[in-house]
Amino acid sequence: MKKRQLKFIFALTFLSCIIWIVGEFIIGELLNNFAVSVVWAIICLTACCAYSLWKCPRNPDEDEETSQKQHKEDK
Protein backbone atom coordinates (compact mmCIF):
# COMPACT_ATOMS: atom_id res chain seq x y z
CA MET A 1 0.00 0.00 0.00
CA LYS A 2 1.09 3.49 -0.73
CA LYS A 3 1.54 6.13 1.95
CA ARG A 4 -1.32 8.14 0.46
CA GLN A 5 -3.72 5.21 0.79
CA LEU A 6 -2.73 4.60 4.41
CA LYS A 7 -3.24 8.26 5.28
CA PHE A 8 -6.70 8.14 3.71
CA ILE A 9 -7.64 5.00 5.64
CA PHE A 10 -6.42 6.36 8.98
CA ALA A 11 -8.09 9.75 8.47
CA LEU A 12 -11.39 8.15 7.45
CA THR A 13 -11.28 5.75 10.40
CA PHE A 14 -10.53 8.55 12.85
CA LEU A 15 -13.29 10.76 11.49
CA SER A 16 -15.85 7.97 11.49
CA CYS A 17 -14.96 7.05 15.09
CA ILE A 18 -15.43 10.65 16.20
CA ILE A 19 -18.81 10.87 14.45
CA TRP A 20 -19.89 7.52 15.92
CA ILE A 21 -18.86 8.47 19.48
CA VAL A 22 -20.59 11.86 19.30
CA GLY A 23 -23.72 10.16 17.97
CA GLU A 24 -23.62 7.56 20.74
CA PHE A 25 -23.24 10.29 23.34
CA ILE A 26 -26.23 12.21 21.96
CA ILE A 27 -28.33 9.03 21.74
CA GLY A 28 -27.39 8.09 25.30
CA GLU A 29 -28.21 11.51 26.71
CA LEU A 30 -31.41 12.22 24.81
CA LEU A 31 -32.98 8.89 23.91
CA ASN A 32 -31.30 6.19 26.00
CA ASN A 33 -32.52 3.56 23.52
CA PHE A 34 -30.45 0.47 22.66
CA ALA A 35 -32.17 -0.17 19.31
CA VAL A 36 -31.41 3.35 18.08
CA SER A 37 -27.82 2.89 19.19
CA VAL A 38 -27.47 -0.33 17.17
CA VAL A 39 -29.03 1.27 14.10
CA TRP A 40 -26.68 4.26 14.48
CA ALA A 41 -23.65 1.92 14.61
CA ILE A 42 -24.81 0.08 11.47
CA ILE A 43 -25.40 3.36 9.62
CA CYS A 44 -21.94 4.65 10.58
CA LEU A 45 -20.21 1.44 9.50
CA THR A 46 -22.10 1.28 6.20
CA ALA A 47 -21.46 4.93 5.40
CA CYS A 48 -17.75 4.58 6.19
CA CYS A 49 -17.39 1.52 3.95
CA ALA A 50 -19.38 3.10 1.11
CA TYR A 51 -17.37 6.31 1.22
CA SER A 52 -14.13 4.36 1.39
CA LEU A 53 -14.99 2.36 -1.72
CA TRP A 54 -16.18 5.46 -3.57
CA LYS A 55 -13.29 7.80 -2.76
CA CYS A 56 -10.39 5.45 -2.04
CA PRO A 57 -7.19 6.72 -3.66
CA ARG A 58 -6.27 4.63 -6.66
CA ASN A 59 -2.78 3.54 -7.52
CA PRO A 60 -1.48 6.44 -9.66
CA ASP A 61 1.16 4.22 -11.32
CA GLU A 62 -1.50 1.93 -12.78
CA ASP A 63 -3.59 4.89 -13.94
CA GLU A 64 -0.57 6.43 -15.68
CA GLU A 65 0.30 3.17 -17.46
CA THR A 66 -3.29 2.75 -18.62
CA SER A 67 -3.37 6.32 -19.95
CA GLN A 68 -0.13 5.82 -21.86
CA LYS A 69 -1.39 2.57 -23.42
CA GLN A 70 -4.61 4.23 -24.51
CA HIS A 71 -2.72 7.19 -25.93
CA LYS A 72 -0.43 4.88 -27.97
CA GLU A 73 -3.41 2.88 -29.26
CA ASP A 74 -5.15 6.07 -30.40
CA LYS A 75 -2.19 7.02 -32.60
C-alpha atoms as a PDB file:
ATOM      1  CA  MET A   1       0.000   0.000   0.000  1.00  0.00           C
ATOM      2  CA  LYS A   2       1.088   3.487  -0.734  1.00  0.00           C
ATOM      3  CA  LYS A   3       1.541   6.133   1.952  1.00  0.00           C
ATOM      4  CA  ARG A   4      -1.321   8.141   0.457  1.00  0.00           C
ATOM      5  CA  GLN A   5      -3.722   5.206   0.787  1.00  0.00           C
ATOM      6  CA  LEU A   6      -2.729   4.598   4.408  1.00  0.00           C
ATOM      7  CA  LYS A   7      -3.240   8.264   5.280  1.00  0.00           C
ATOM      8  CA  PHE A   8      -6.695   8.140   3.711  1.00  0.00           C
ATOM      9  CA  ILE A   9      -7.643   4.996   5.639  1.00  0.00           C
ATOM     10  CA  PHE A  10      -6.418   6.357   8.980  1.00  0.00           C
ATOM     11  CA  ALA A  11      -8.092   9.749   8.466  1.00  0.00           C
ATOM     12  CA  LEU A  12     -11.389   8.146   7.452  1.00  0.00           C
ATOM     13  CA  THR A  13     -11.277   5.747  10.397  1.00  0.00           C
ATOM     14  CA  PHE A  14     -10.525   8.550  12.851  1.00  0.00           C
ATOM     15  CA  LEU A  15     -13.293  10.764  11.490  1.00  0.00           C
ATOM     16  CA  SER A  16     -15.852   7.971  11.486  1.00  0.00           C
ATOM     17  CA  CYS A  17     -14.962   7.047  15.089  1.00  0.00           C
ATOM     18  CA  ILE A  18     -15.433  10.652  16.201  1.00  0.00           C
ATOM     19  CA  ILE A  19     -18.812  10.868  14.446  1.00  0.00           C
ATOM     20  CA  TRP A  20     -19.891   7.521  15.922  1.00  0.00           C
ATOM     21  CA  ILE A  21     -18.858   8.473  19.483  1.00  0.00           C
ATOM     22  CA  VAL A  22     -20.586  11.859  19.300  1.00  0.00           C
ATOM     23  CA  GLY A  23     -23.717  10.165  17.973  1.00  0.00           C
ATOM     24  CA  GLU A  24     -23.621   7.562  20.741  1.00  0.00           C
ATOM     25  CA  PHE A  25     -23.242  10.292  23.337  1.00  0.00           C
ATOM     26  CA  ILE A  26     -26.226  12.206  21.959  1.00  0.00           C
ATOM     27  CA  ILE A  27     -28.329   9.029  21.737  1.00  0.00           C
ATOM     28  CA  GLY A  28     -27.390   8.088  25.297  1.00  0.00           C
ATOM     29  CA  GLU A  29     -28.208  11.514  26.713  1.00  0.00           C
ATOM     30  CA  LEU A  30     -31.406  12.221  24.811  1.00  0.00           C
ATOM     31  CA  LEU A  31     -32.981   8.890  23.909  1.00  0.00           C
ATOM     32  CA  ASN A  32     -31.304   6.187  25.999  1.00  0.00           C
ATOM     33  CA  ASN A  33     -32.523   3.559  23.517  1.00  0.00           C
ATOM     34  CA  PHE A  34     -30.452   0.472  22.662  1.00  0.00           C
ATOM     35  CA  ALA A  35     -32.171  -0.165  19.315  1.00  0.00           C
ATOM     36  CA  VAL A  36     -31.411   3.353  18.081  1.00  0.00           C
ATOM     37  CA  SER A  37     -27.817   2.890  19.194  1.00  0.00           C
ATOM     38  CA  VAL A  38     -27.468  -0.328  17.173  1.00  0.00           C
ATOM     39  CA  VAL A  39     -29.033   1.272  14.105  1.00  0.00           C
ATOM     40  CA  TRP A  40     -26.675   4.256  14.479  1.00  0.00           C
ATOM     41  CA  ALA A  41     -23.650   1.916  14.608  1.00  0.00           C
ATOM     42  CA  ILE A  42     -24.809   0.080  11.469  1.00  0.00           C
ATOM     43  CA  ILE A  43     -25.397   3.362   9.622  1.00  0.00           C
ATOM     44  CA  CYS A  44     -21.940   4.652  10.585  1.00  0.00           C
ATOM     45  CA  LEU A  45     -20.210   1.437   9.497  1.00  0.00           C
ATOM     46  CA  THR A  46     -22.104   1.278   6.200  1.00  0.00           C
ATOM     47  CA  ALA A  47     -21.459   4.933   5.403  1.00  0.00           C
ATOM     48  CA  CYS A  48     -17.754   4.578   6.189  1.00  0.00           C
ATOM     49  CA  CYS A  49     -17.390   1.519   3.950  1.00  0.00           C
ATOM     50  CA  ALA A  50     -19.383   3.096   1.112  1.00  0.00           C
ATOM     51  CA  TYR A  51     -17.365   6.314   1.225  1.00  0.00           C
ATOM     52  CA  SER A  52     -14.129   4.365   1.390  1.00  0.00           C
ATOM     53  CA  LEU A  53     -14.985   2.358  -1.725  1.00  0.00           C
ATOM     54  CA  TRP A  54     -16.184   5.460  -3.570  1.00  0.00           C
ATOM     55  CA  LYS A  55     -13.293   7.797  -2.760  1.00  0.00           C
ATOM     56  CA  CYS A  56     -10.390   5.448  -2.039  1.00  0.00           C
ATOM     57  CA  PRO A  57      -7.189   6.722  -3.661  1.00  0.00           C
ATOM     58  CA  ARG A  58      -6.273   4.629  -6.658  1.00  0.00           C
ATOM     59  CA  ASN A  59      -2.779   3.542  -7.522  1.00  0.00           C
ATOM     60  CA  PRO A  60      -1.479   6.443  -9.661  1.00  0.00           C
ATOM     61  CA  ASP A  61       1.159   4.225 -11.318  1.00  0.00           C
ATOM     62  CA  GLU A  62      -1.504   1.932 -12.781  1.00  0.00           C
ATOM     63  CA  ASP A  63      -3.586   4.894 -13.945  1.00  0.00           C
ATOM     64  CA  GLU A  64      -0.569   6.431 -15.677  1.00  0.00           C
ATOM     65  CA  GLU A  65       0.303   3.172 -17.460  1.00  0.00           C
ATOM     66  CA  THR A  66      -3.287   2.750 -18.622  1.00  0.00           C
ATOM     67  CA  SER A  67      -3.372   6.323 -19.946  1.00  0.00           C
ATOM     68  CA  GLN A  68      -0.127   5.816 -21.861  1.00  0.00           C
ATOM     69  CA  LYS A  69      -1.386   2.572 -23.421  1.00  0.00           C
ATOM     70  CA  GLN A  70      -4.614   4.226 -24.511  1.00  0.00           C
ATOM     71  CA  HIS A  71      -2.717   7.189 -25.935  1.00  0.00           C
ATOM     72  CA  LYS A  72      -0.430   4.881 -27.973  1.00  0.00           C
ATOM     73  CA  GLU A  73      -3.411   2.877 -29.265  1.00  0.00           C
ATOM     74  CA  ASP A  74      -5.153   6.070 -30.402  1.00  0.00           C
ATOM     75  CA  LYS A  75      -2.187   7.023 -32.601  1.00  0.00           C
END
